Protein backbone atom coordinates (compact mmCIF):
# COMPACT_ATOMS: atom_id res chain seq x y z
CA MET A 1 15.04 -45.07 48.58
CA LEU A 2 18.38 -46.74 48.00
CA PRO A 3 18.03 -49.88 45.84
CA ASN A 4 20.22 -52.04 48.10
CA LEU A 5 17.91 -51.76 51.15
CA GLU A 6 16.07 -54.86 52.29
CA PRO A 7 12.39 -54.78 51.26
CA LEU A 8 10.04 -54.21 54.15
CA SER A 9 7.81 -57.07 55.21
CA PRO A 10 4.03 -56.69 54.88
CA GLN A 11 3.74 -56.51 58.70
CA GLN A 12 6.33 -53.72 58.82
CA CYS A 13 4.45 -51.80 56.16
CA MET A 14 1.15 -52.07 58.00
CA GLN A 15 2.82 -51.14 61.29
CA ALA A 16 4.03 -47.96 59.60
CA ALA A 17 0.47 -47.27 58.44
CA LEU A 18 -0.80 -47.87 62.00
CA GLN A 19 1.68 -45.27 63.28
CA GLU A 20 0.16 -42.78 60.85
CA ALA A 21 -3.31 -43.77 62.06
CA GLN A 22 -2.28 -43.14 65.68
CA ALA A 23 -0.97 -39.71 64.69
CA ALA A 24 -4.34 -38.98 63.06
CA ALA A 25 -6.15 -39.95 66.27
CA THR A 26 -3.88 -37.65 68.28
CA ALA A 27 -4.88 -34.82 65.96
CA GLY A 28 -8.59 -35.58 66.51
CA GLU A 29 -9.11 -37.27 63.15
CA VAL A 30 -10.56 -40.74 62.59
CA PRO A 31 -7.47 -42.99 62.97
CA VAL A 32 -6.71 -44.19 59.46
CA GLY A 33 -3.16 -44.25 58.09
CA ALA A 34 -1.59 -45.26 54.78
CA VAL A 35 1.84 -45.77 53.22
CA VAL A 36 2.87 -46.15 49.58
CA LEU A 37 5.74 -48.49 48.68
CA ARG A 38 7.93 -48.80 45.59
CA HIS A 39 10.38 -51.64 45.29
CA GLY A 40 9.62 -52.63 48.90
CA GLN A 41 10.41 -49.21 50.40
CA ILE A 42 8.10 -46.50 51.70
CA ILE A 43 8.09 -43.46 49.44
CA ALA A 44 5.05 -41.64 50.90
CA THR A 45 2.81 -41.62 53.94
CA GLY A 46 -0.67 -40.27 54.67
CA ARG A 47 -3.08 -39.93 57.55
CA ASN A 48 -6.69 -38.85 57.78
CA ALA A 49 -7.00 -35.05 57.77
CA PRO A 50 -10.45 -33.97 56.47
CA ILE A 51 -11.29 -32.10 59.70
CA GLY A 52 -8.02 -30.23 60.07
CA ALA A 53 -7.62 -29.55 56.36
CA HIS A 54 -11.30 -28.70 55.80
CA ASP A 55 -11.08 -31.11 52.88
CA PRO A 56 -13.57 -33.95 52.34
CA THR A 57 -11.06 -35.70 50.07
CA ALA A 58 -8.23 -35.71 52.64
CA HIS A 59 -8.50 -39.41 53.46
CA ALA A 60 -5.27 -41.14 54.41
CA GLU A 61 -5.09 -42.96 51.06
CA ILE A 62 -5.57 -39.78 49.00
CA VAL A 63 -2.96 -37.92 51.05
CA ALA A 64 -0.47 -40.77 50.54
CA LEU A 65 -1.21 -41.05 46.82
CA ARG A 66 -0.65 -37.32 46.31
CA ALA A 67 2.64 -37.47 48.19
CA ALA A 68 3.79 -40.50 46.17
CA ALA A 69 2.88 -38.85 42.86
CA GLN A 70 4.85 -35.74 43.86
CA ALA A 71 7.84 -37.84 44.91
CA LEU A 72 7.90 -39.71 41.60
CA GLY A 73 6.84 -36.82 39.39
CA ASN A 74 4.12 -38.96 37.87
CA TYR A 75 0.46 -39.53 38.65
CA ARG A 76 0.81 -43.10 37.41
CA LEU A 77 1.89 -45.38 40.27
CA ASP A 78 1.70 -48.68 38.44
CA ASP A 79 4.78 -50.17 40.15
CA CYS A 80 3.65 -49.14 43.65
CA GLU A 81 1.70 -50.73 46.52
CA LEU A 82 -0.46 -49.06 49.15
CA TYR A 83 -1.03 -50.27 52.71
CA VAL A 84 -3.92 -48.75 54.63
CA THR A 85 -5.38 -49.52 58.05
CA LEU A 86 -9.04 -49.46 56.94
CA GLU A 87 -10.78 -50.80 53.85
CA PRO A 88 -10.88 -48.02 51.23
CA CYS A 89 -14.08 -46.15 50.49
CA ALA A 90 -15.39 -45.66 46.94
CA MET A 91 -13.55 -42.36 46.52
CA CYS A 92 -10.21 -43.80 47.58
CA ALA A 93 -10.71 -47.01 45.61
CA GLY A 94 -11.39 -44.93 42.50
CA ALA A 95 -8.23 -42.90 43.06
CA MET A 96 -6.18 -46.09 43.47
CA LEU A 97 -7.51 -47.46 40.22
CA HIS A 98 -6.81 -44.18 38.41
CA ALA A 99 -3.26 -44.23 39.81
CA ARG A 100 -2.96 -47.82 38.50
CA LEU A 101 -1.54 -49.15 41.73
CA ALA A 102 -0.27 -52.71 41.44
CA ARG A 103 -1.57 -53.79 44.83
CA VAL A 104 -3.59 -52.58 47.82
CA VAL A 105 -3.46 -54.17 51.28
CA PHE A 106 -5.84 -53.09 54.03
CA ALA A 107 -6.21 -54.09 57.68
CA ALA A 108 -9.77 -53.79 59.06
CA ALA A 109 -12.89 -54.15 56.96
CA ASP A 110 -15.39 -51.27 56.85
CA PRO A 111 -18.95 -52.64 56.86
CA LYS A 112 -20.46 -49.17 56.32
CA THR A 113 -18.48 -47.70 53.39
CA GLY A 114 -15.95 -50.32 52.36
CA ALA A 115 -15.49 -50.52 48.58
CA ALA A 116 -13.18 -53.54 48.52
CA GLY A 117 -15.78 -56.17 49.31
CA SER A 118 -17.78 -55.04 52.35
CA VAL A 119 -20.38 -52.82 50.70
CA THR A 120 -19.22 -53.10 47.12
CA ASN A 121 -16.03 -54.17 45.37
CA LEU A 122 -14.79 -51.69 42.78
CA PHE A 123 -11.60 -53.65 42.38
CA ALA A 124 -13.58 -56.59 40.98
CA GLN A 125 -15.20 -54.65 38.12
CA ALA A 126 -14.16 -56.49 34.96
CA GLN A 127 -15.17 -53.55 32.75
CA LEU A 128 -12.36 -51.34 34.09
CA ASN A 129 -9.20 -51.05 32.00
CA HIS A 130 -6.92 -51.51 35.03
CA HIS A 131 -7.08 -54.13 37.73
CA THR A 132 -5.41 -53.64 41.10
CA GLN A 133 -4.82 -56.61 43.34
CA VAL A 134 -6.44 -56.23 46.75
CA GLN A 135 -5.92 -58.07 50.03
CA GLY A 136 -7.60 -57.50 53.39
CA GLY A 137 -7.14 -58.56 57.01
CA LEU A 138 -3.47 -57.81 57.69
CA LEU A 139 -3.20 -56.67 61.34
CA ALA A 140 -6.96 -56.17 61.26
CA GLU A 141 -7.37 -56.59 65.03
CA ALA A 142 -4.85 -53.85 65.84
CA SER A 143 -6.55 -51.46 63.44
CA ALA A 144 -10.04 -52.29 64.72
CA GLN A 145 -8.90 -51.79 68.32
CA LEU A 146 -7.46 -48.38 67.49
CA LEU A 147 -10.68 -47.35 65.76
CA GLY A 148 -12.82 -48.70 68.59
CA GLN A 149 -10.86 -46.83 71.26
CA PHE A 150 -11.09 -43.62 69.23
CA PHE A 151 -14.86 -43.76 68.79
CA GLN A 152 -15.41 -44.78 72.42
CA THR A 153 -13.39 -41.79 73.58
CA ARG A 154 -15.27 -39.50 71.22
CA ARG A 155 -18.63 -40.79 72.50
CA GLN A 156 -17.50 -40.16 76.06
CA GLN A 157 -16.35 -36.66 75.14
CA LYS A 158 -19.69 -35.91 73.50
CA MET A 159 -21.51 -37.21 76.56
CA VAL A 160 -19.44 -34.95 78.81
CA GLN A 161 -20.12 -32.03 76.47
CA ARG A 162 -23.86 -32.74 76.56
CA MET A 163 -23.73 -32.91 80.34
CA GLN A 164 -21.96 -29.56 80.45
CA THR A 165 -24.03 -27.75 77.87
CA HIS A 166 -27.33 -29.68 78.06
CA SER A 167 -28.05 -28.77 74.45
CA LEU A 168 -31.74 -28.71 73.54
CA ARG A 169 -33.16 -31.47 71.36
CA ASP A 170 -35.04 -30.43 68.21
CA ASP A 171 -38.20 -32.19 69.38
CA ALA A 172 -38.35 -30.43 72.75
CA LEU A 173 -38.87 -26.98 74.25
CA ARG A 174 -37.13 -25.31 77.17
CA THR A 175 -38.82 -22.72 79.35
CA PRO A 176 -36.75 -19.50 79.51
CA ASP A 177 -34.99 -19.00 82.84
CA ALA A 178 -36.59 -15.58 83.16
CA ARG A 179 -39.92 -17.26 83.81
CA PHE A 180 -38.51 -18.61 87.10
CA ALA A 181 -36.93 -15.42 88.37
CA GLN A 182 -37.72 -14.47 91.98
CA LEU A 183 -40.38 -17.08 92.63
CA PRO A 184 -41.67 -16.69 96.21
CA GLY A 185 -40.35 -19.30 98.61
CA TYR A 186 -38.14 -21.09 96.08
CA PRO A 187 -34.50 -20.01 96.63
CA TRP A 188 -32.68 -23.23 95.71
CA ALA A 189 -30.08 -23.65 92.99
CA ALA A 190 -31.10 -25.44 89.82
CA ARG A 191 -29.32 -28.68 88.97
CA TYR A 192 -29.62 -30.61 85.74
CA VAL A 193 -28.99 -34.09 84.40
CA SER A 194 -29.18 -35.18 80.78
CA ASP A 195 -27.12 -38.36 80.63
CA LEU A 196 -29.78 -40.79 81.87
CA PRO A 197 -30.32 -43.30 79.04
CA ALA A 198 -34.10 -42.87 79.14
CA LEU A 199 -33.78 -39.10 78.76
CA ALA A 200 -31.91 -39.51 75.46
CA GLY A 201 -30.38 -36.07 75.89
CA LEU A 202 -33.36 -34.25 77.37
CA ARG A 203 -32.39 -31.99 80.25
CA MET A 204 -34.09 -32.80 83.57
CA HIS A 205 -34.08 -30.36 86.44
CA TYR A 206 -33.83 -31.34 90.08
CA LEU A 207 -33.15 -29.83 93.48
CA ASP A 208 -30.46 -31.42 95.64
CA GLU A 209 -30.08 -29.75 99.02
CA GLY A 210 -28.50 -30.86 102.27
CA PRO A 211 -25.48 -33.08 103.00
CA PRO A 212 -25.03 -36.16 100.77
CA SER A 213 -24.10 -38.13 103.89
CA ALA A 214 -27.36 -37.30 105.68
CA ALA A 215 -29.02 -40.07 107.64
CA THR A 216 -32.25 -39.49 105.72
CA THR A 217 -32.74 -38.59 102.06
CA TRP A 218 -36.17 -37.20 101.21
CA LEU A 219 -37.08 -37.95 97.60
CA CYS A 220 -40.01 -35.66 96.75
CA LEU A 221 -42.01 -36.50 93.62
CA HIS A 222 -44.59 -34.10 92.25
CA GLY A 223 -47.67 -34.81 90.17
CA ASN A 224 -49.56 -33.23 87.29
CA PRO A 225 -49.69 -30.28 86.64
CA ALA A 226 -47.26 -29.33 89.42
CA TRP A 227 -43.46 -29.31 89.71
CA SER A 228 -40.86 -29.19 92.49
CA TYR A 229 -42.19 -25.78 93.56
CA LEU A 230 -44.97 -27.79 95.23
CA TYR A 231 -42.55 -28.88 97.99
CA ARG A 232 -41.22 -25.43 98.93
CA LYS A 233 -42.97 -25.49 102.35
CA MET A 234 -41.72 -28.97 103.26
CA ILE A 235 -38.12 -28.77 102.03
CA PRO A 236 -36.94 -26.28 104.71
CA VAL A 237 -38.26 -28.53 107.47
CA PHE A 238 -36.42 -31.55 106.10
CA LEU A 239 -33.20 -29.52 105.73
CA GLN A 240 -33.42 -28.01 109.20
CA ALA A 241 -33.59 -31.55 110.59
CA GLY A 242 -30.29 -32.37 108.86
CA GLY A 243 -31.73 -34.29 105.92
CA ARG A 244 -30.91 -34.29 102.26
CA VAL A 245 -33.71 -33.40 99.82
CA LEU A 246 -33.98 -34.28 96.14
CA ALA A 247 -36.95 -33.00 94.17
CA PRO A 248 -36.85 -33.66 90.41
CA ASP A 249 -39.09 -32.07 87.81
CA MET A 250 -40.37 -34.84 85.58
CA PRO A 251 -39.79 -34.30 81.84
CA GLY A 252 -42.44 -31.93 80.56
CA PHE A 253 -42.79 -30.11 83.89
CA GLY A 254 -41.06 -27.34 85.81
CA LYS A 255 -37.58 -26.44 84.62
CA SER A 256 -37.11 -29.73 82.76
CA ASP A 257 -37.19 -29.94 78.97
CA LYS A 258 -40.63 -30.41 77.46
CA PRO A 259 -41.18 -32.77 74.53
CA LYS A 260 -43.33 -31.09 71.90
CA LYS A 261 -45.59 -34.08 71.24
CA ASP A 262 -48.17 -35.40 73.69
CA SER A 263 -47.31 -38.91 72.48
CA ALA A 264 -43.79 -38.60 73.86
CA HIS A 265 -45.17 -39.21 77.35
CA SER A 266 -45.95 -42.67 78.69
CA PHE A 267 -46.18 -44.35 82.08
CA GLY A 268 -43.29 -46.68 81.30
CA TRP A 269 -40.98 -43.92 80.09
CA HIS A 270 -41.50 -41.66 83.08
CA ARG A 271 -41.05 -44.56 85.48
CA GLN A 272 -37.80 -45.52 83.76
CA VAL A 273 -36.52 -41.96 84.04
CA LEU A 274 -37.20 -41.98 87.78
CA LEU A 275 -35.59 -45.39 88.26
CA GLU A 276 -32.46 -44.22 86.45
CA PHE A 277 -32.43 -40.98 88.42
CA VAL A 278 -32.43 -42.88 91.73
CA GLU A 279 -29.60 -45.11 90.51
CA ARG A 280 -27.63 -42.20 89.01
CA MET A 281 -27.77 -40.31 92.30
CA ASP A 282 -27.09 -43.55 94.23
CA LEU A 283 -29.75 -42.63 96.79
CA LYS A 284 -29.80 -44.45 100.12
CA ASN A 285 -31.86 -44.24 103.32
CA VAL A 286 -34.65 -42.77 101.23
CA VAL A 287 -38.00 -41.61 102.53
CA LEU A 288 -40.17 -41.53 99.42
CA VAL A 289 -42.48 -38.50 99.48
CA VAL A 290 -45.30 -38.73 96.93
CA GLN A 291 -48.57 -37.16 95.87
CA ASP A 292 -50.77 -37.41 92.75
CA TRP A 293 -48.69 -38.75 89.82
CA GLY A 294 -45.70 -38.68 92.13
CA GLY A 295 -47.41 -41.63 93.82
CA ILE A 296 -48.94 -43.26 90.75
CA LEU A 297 -45.40 -43.54 89.40
CA GLY A 298 -43.39 -43.33 92.61
CA LEU A 299 -45.14 -46.17 94.42
CA THR A 300 -43.82 -48.52 91.71
CA LEU A 301 -40.17 -47.60 92.40
CA PRO A 302 -39.15 -49.17 95.75
CA MET A 303 -39.77 -52.76 94.68
CA ALA A 304 -37.00 -52.32 92.06
CA ALA A 305 -34.40 -51.51 94.75
CA ALA A 306 -36.00 -52.00 98.15
CA GLN A 307 -32.66 -51.67 99.96
CA ARG A 308 -32.54 -47.98 99.05
CA TYR A 309 -35.79 -47.09 100.85
CA LYS A 310 -36.55 -46.86 104.54
CA GLY A 311 -39.77 -44.89 104.59
CA LEU A 312 -42.85 -43.68 102.74
CA LEU A 313 -44.69 -40.37 103.18
CA VAL A 314 -47.77 -40.66 100.99
CA MET A 315 -50.32 -37.92 100.28
CA ASN A 316 -53.46 -37.86 98.07
CA THR A 317 -52.54 -40.40 95.43
CA THR A 318 -53.34 -43.95 94.34
CA LEU A 319 -52.02 -47.07 92.67
CA ALA A 320 -53.74 -47.36 89.29
CA THR A 321 -53.79 -51.12 88.72
CA GLY A 322 -56.32 -51.15 85.88
CA ASP A 323 -58.47 -53.83 87.51
CA ALA A 324 -60.52 -51.45 89.64
CA PRO A 325 -62.57 -48.44 88.54
CA LEU A 326 -61.01 -45.01 88.88
CA SER A 327 -62.63 -42.68 91.39
CA PRO A 328 -65.53 -40.48 90.23
CA GLY A 329 -63.51 -37.44 91.21
CA PHE A 330 -60.63 -38.45 89.00
CA LEU A 331 -62.93 -39.22 86.07
CA ALA A 332 -64.43 -35.74 86.42
CA TRP A 333 -60.92 -34.24 86.48
CA ARG A 334 -59.95 -36.14 83.36
CA GLU A 335 -63.07 -34.99 81.56
CA MET A 336 -62.37 -31.37 82.48
CA CYS A 337 -58.80 -31.65 81.18
CA ALA A 338 -60.03 -33.12 77.90
CA LYS A 339 -62.54 -30.29 77.38
CA ASN A 340 -60.19 -27.52 78.48
CA PRO A 341 -56.61 -28.73 77.92
CA GLU A 342 -55.04 -25.30 78.42
CA PHE A 343 -56.79 -24.59 81.73
CA ASP A 344 -55.33 -21.87 83.93
CA LEU A 345 -53.12 -23.52 86.55
CA ALA A 346 -52.88 -20.40 88.68
CA ARG A 347 -56.65 -20.22 88.86
CA LEU A 348 -56.84 -23.94 89.72
CA LEU A 349 -54.42 -23.49 92.63
CA ALA A 350 -56.13 -20.35 93.85
CA ARG A 351 -59.56 -21.98 93.88
CA GLY A 352 -58.41 -24.87 96.07
CA ASN A 353 -55.99 -22.88 98.22
CA PRO A 354 -57.41 -19.51 99.21
CA GLN A 355 -54.52 -19.00 101.64
CA MET A 356 -52.01 -18.78 98.77
CA GLN A 357 -50.70 -15.46 97.46
CA ALA A 358 -51.36 -14.60 93.82
CA GLU A 359 -47.61 -14.78 93.11
CA GLU A 360 -47.47 -18.32 94.49
CA CYS A 361 -50.38 -19.43 92.31
CA ALA A 362 -48.77 -17.81 89.28
CA ALA A 363 -45.55 -19.78 89.94
CA TYR A 364 -47.36 -22.94 88.87
CA MET A 365 -47.85 -21.38 85.43
CA ALA A 366 -44.18 -20.34 85.13
CA PRO A 367 -43.08 -23.54 83.30
CA PHE A 368 -45.75 -23.13 80.62
CA PRO A 369 -45.47 -19.88 78.63
CA ASP A 370 -47.74 -21.21 75.88
CA ALA A 371 -49.70 -24.26 74.73
CA GLY A 372 -46.65 -25.74 73.02
CA HIS A 373 -45.01 -26.28 76.40
CA ARG A 374 -48.02 -28.15 77.81
CA ALA A 375 -47.83 -31.56 76.14
CA ALA A 376 -47.30 -33.22 79.53
CA THR A 377 -50.32 -31.60 81.21
CA ARG A 378 -52.45 -32.77 78.29
CA ALA A 379 -50.96 -36.27 78.18
CA PHE A 380 -51.00 -37.21 81.87
CA PRO A 381 -54.76 -37.39 82.64
CA PRO A 382 -55.50 -40.08 80.01
CA MET A 383 -52.24 -41.88 80.94
CA VAL A 384 -53.63 -43.10 84.27
CA PRO A 385 -54.13 -46.86 83.75
CA ALA A 386 -57.85 -47.58 83.57
CA LEU A 387 -57.68 -51.06 81.98
CA GLU A 388 -55.73 -54.16 82.96
CA ALA A 389 -53.72 -54.08 79.73
CA ALA A 390 -52.92 -50.34 79.94
CA ASP A 391 -49.32 -49.17 80.13
CA GLY A 392 -48.36 -49.15 83.80
CA ALA A 393 -51.24 -51.29 85.05
CA GLY A 394 -49.23 -54.51 85.28
CA ILE A 395 -46.30 -52.93 87.09
CA SER A 396 -48.77 -51.19 89.43
CA ARG A 397 -50.32 -54.56 90.32
CA GLN A 398 -46.84 -55.86 91.11
CA ALA A 399 -46.26 -52.78 93.28
CA LEU A 400 -49.51 -53.45 95.10
CA GLN A 401 -48.26 -56.90 96.05
CA PHE A 402 -44.99 -55.38 97.20
CA TRP A 403 -46.68 -52.86 99.50
CA GLN A 404 -49.06 -55.48 100.85
CA HIS A 405 -46.56 -58.24 101.57
CA GLU A 406 -42.91 -57.18 101.15
CA TRP A 407 -42.59 -53.61 102.38
CA THR A 408 -40.63 -53.52 105.65
CA GLY A 409 -40.09 -49.78 106.05
CA GLN A 410 -42.10 -47.19 107.96
CA SER A 411 -45.07 -45.45 106.40
CA LEU A 412 -46.88 -42.21 107.12
CA MET A 413 -49.99 -40.97 105.35
CA ALA A 414 -51.42 -37.44 105.19
CA VAL A 415 -54.75 -36.70 103.54
CA GLY A 416 -56.05 -33.38 102.25
CA MET A 417 -59.70 -33.64 103.24
CA GLN A 418 -60.98 -31.14 100.66
CA ASP A 419 -59.62 -33.11 97.70
CA PRO A 420 -62.44 -34.06 95.27
CA VAL A 421 -60.12 -36.17 93.09
CA LEU A 422 -58.04 -38.40 95.37
CA GLY A 423 -59.56 -37.71 98.76
CA LEU A 424 -60.19 -39.71 101.90
CA PRO A 425 -62.07 -42.72 100.39
CA VAL A 426 -59.25 -43.31 97.89
CA MET A 427 -56.60 -42.87 100.57
CA ARG A 428 -58.35 -45.22 103.00
CA ALA A 429 -58.28 -47.90 100.33
CA LEU A 430 -54.59 -47.25 99.74
CA GLN A 431 -53.86 -47.34 103.48
CA LYS A 432 -55.26 -50.87 103.68
CA ASN A 433 -52.86 -51.94 100.95
CA ILE A 434 -49.69 -50.58 102.60
CA ARG A 435 -48.31 -52.97 105.16
CA ASN A 436 -48.34 -51.53 108.70
CA CYS A 437 -49.50 -48.10 107.55
CA PRO A 438 -50.90 -46.27 110.62
CA GLU A 439 -53.92 -43.98 110.80
CA PRO A 440 -53.43 -41.00 108.46
CA MET A 441 -53.00 -37.39 109.39
CA LEU A 442 -56.18 -35.61 108.31
CA ILE A 443 -55.50 -32.10 107.04
CA GLU A 444 -58.95 -30.54 107.18
CA GLN A 445 -58.27 -27.38 105.13
CA ALA A 446 -56.05 -29.02 102.51
CA GLY A 447 -57.25 -29.97 99.07
CA HIS A 448 -55.60 -32.04 96.37
CA PHE A 449 -52.32 -30.10 96.54
CA VAL A 450 -51.85 -31.03 100.16
CA GLN A 451 -48.20 -29.87 100.15
CA GLU A 452 -49.50 -26.30 100.22
CA HIS A 453 -50.25 -27.16 103.87
CA GLY A 454 -47.03 -29.16 104.07
CA GLU A 455 -45.10 -27.60 106.94
CA PRO A 456 -46.89 -29.47 109.77
CA ILE A 457 -46.84 -32.65 107.68
CA ALA A 458 -43.08 -32.33 107.23
CA GLN A 459 -42.60 -31.67 110.94
CA ALA A 460 -44.61 -34.77 111.81
CA ALA A 461 -42.61 -36.79 109.27
CA VAL A 462 -39.29 -35.67 110.75
CA ARG A 463 -40.41 -36.82 114.19
CA TYR A 464 -41.93 -40.05 112.90
CA PHE A 465 -39.04 -41.27 110.76
CA LYS A 466 -36.55 -40.66 113.55
CA LEU A 467 -38.28 -43.33 115.65
């Protein structure tokens, strides 16, 4: 630089460093920029480039120091100053001390790796044979804002990428698509969501058929050990009537990702996933269609956003409030699951539904190629709240009050009369606790999985909820 030029002000120097930081951000690097001055004039610049250069040492300060040393023909920079937009790390601080810089000025502090006072202060080590003056805070807000915008954009980009790719978490399994090929009576396109906060990146499958502007949205929630396949006989009826149908597979079931550990499953977590799903899809004019765990969980949902719901179609389920004994049938089911956790689902469906084809029964086993995929089917039976302090019991008691006193929508009940687990006695008790719930439809040949006889139930529901 020419000696007669006016020295740059500290603000001008840091503004030049911020321009370098912005250029780094444009290139996809963390936005940190640096300039080296001699006699008040910039002799070298640097910007972060470790990603592009494949160089872990290519921090803005190192790049600027190298350029300054080349410009002066000397690795000693004892009459130079360096301005940088972020507090130097230990590597960069060491390089500055080796270069014997006279002064270092930084903008924003770095509470994670800063080596000029935030985490440690290498510049304050009295044992070193050179001491560089250091000053922080110049245009700190501008630097922090630039960094904040960069990392916010990168988080958003990663979220979009996760939504597009639905990458599999290390602690989960994903059933191969081939297991679901050509399932009888299940022609609908798979849809996935993984950006619900409660999912934490797990991929959840759901069906979404029919016009989004439909007058009625049927939200169909399955239980254990079923999945959305359970509603294949009801969905066409709802669609033919002009409705919209959403049928999610809860995490651990169907085409959704399956956490490897049984302990990953809890009442509160699954309820939160469903609450976020309803909000994410912005569902309105909802008829809630529930059975088994779809009701144990699903009946706790409307009180959180009652304006979204206009109706309830409830089949063979209960509200587990923890202050009343569970039915003998359910206790027997839970005991069977404990003794035989890998029971054959196809055989279970065939035994209770002799009208089903073998291929239909086998479809219930499709999500579970081995025992590793079955954490949810093992975890759900003991998850049903049996004590007042159990997870889900308190919220279920609140839901009970809601259905007794606050529910203003229509209700329709259908009961599979051959169900030994949640049959007519359980459903009669539930009917009494749902405000204005009429006499139930009694499906004489249906068992626990009453949706396997679901076509006439769906037809009755379409007529009823149009009233």
